[in-house]
């Protein structure tokens, strides 16, 4: 739904710093180089040669890695079945066994959550907490409805979960890739919503790259007077922005996320927030806000730096999309404020 508040250049720099930490904590390259000459050797050789891209490549580069590896991985699995036709219990080795074997081998190297020495567990989870703190996302980028604070104190430990944009079950070699670790809330990352679903850059929004801003917007389609005076009911929903069509590439991606994360269903329970914005937008119209900005002083000094600051005080949230990550429901509040005349 919302984009992380960093440019690609800034993210690339963060990725390089992240990679330095990973190199220090895990001997990934050494393990790849020393891999024995078995069914997986060609895969490991490719990963070693392209390790920098695997770890810090942008999402489109990761998709190229996935495509480039597919044939070698399929061959390795078939060789495993051929070389190990039966399991220890005497039953025939199946495709599912080859898949499990492949994942187990790769996860030994790209150790996200494989054991106590993994990315999320090593040193009491320090790596994961530090990474979440650096990304500094206070709300889930997939839904903007749940907080994802990173807190580590004596009394409380809390951090966002890391969703793997590209499914780590199918692509375990991307388990530690910087651009594949999306800080998210537990609900969005749960099996009920995204879970193991396969995301692609053509069908889904990647929060490090883009958002649904200017593609979809929250709307009530109710007149302020009808709501305030006649108590007319309304339906809160996300609709296409006026300039957009269903066939637009960004719309297709946005729609994919809206459906998978059940955003319309979830936000239908937040009509009370929209109602508050409608009331405040009617009471504190733009002319009233302008008067407050120009006349509200203490000891001859203005206490507000801009009209936008007053508007944000009135609606209780941020109006600038660059600040969407700081508070939940910021997209909802901003869109309804815009619908009823409180614009940035």
Foldseek 3Di string as FASTA:
>chain_A
DAAQLDDPVVLLVVLVVLVVVVVVQAVQLVCLVPPDPALCVVVSVVCNVCVVCLAENAQVSVVVVVVVCVVSLVSSLVVVQVVPQADPVGHGDDSVNSLVVVLVVLCVRQVQPNDCSHCCRNPNRVNVLVSQVVSPFQAFQLALADGADADDDPVDGGGFAWAQQAACSSVVSSSNHSQRTGRGHCLCCDPQFCPRPGHDPQQADRSNHGHCVLFKAWDFPDDLCCCPPVVDDTFIAIDGDPVDDCPDSSNRHNVSSCVRSVNSVVCRVVVVLLVQLSVLCVVCPPVNLVCCQVPPDDPPHGPDPDSLVVSCVSSVEHQDSSCSSVHGCRRVSNRSNVVSHNHD
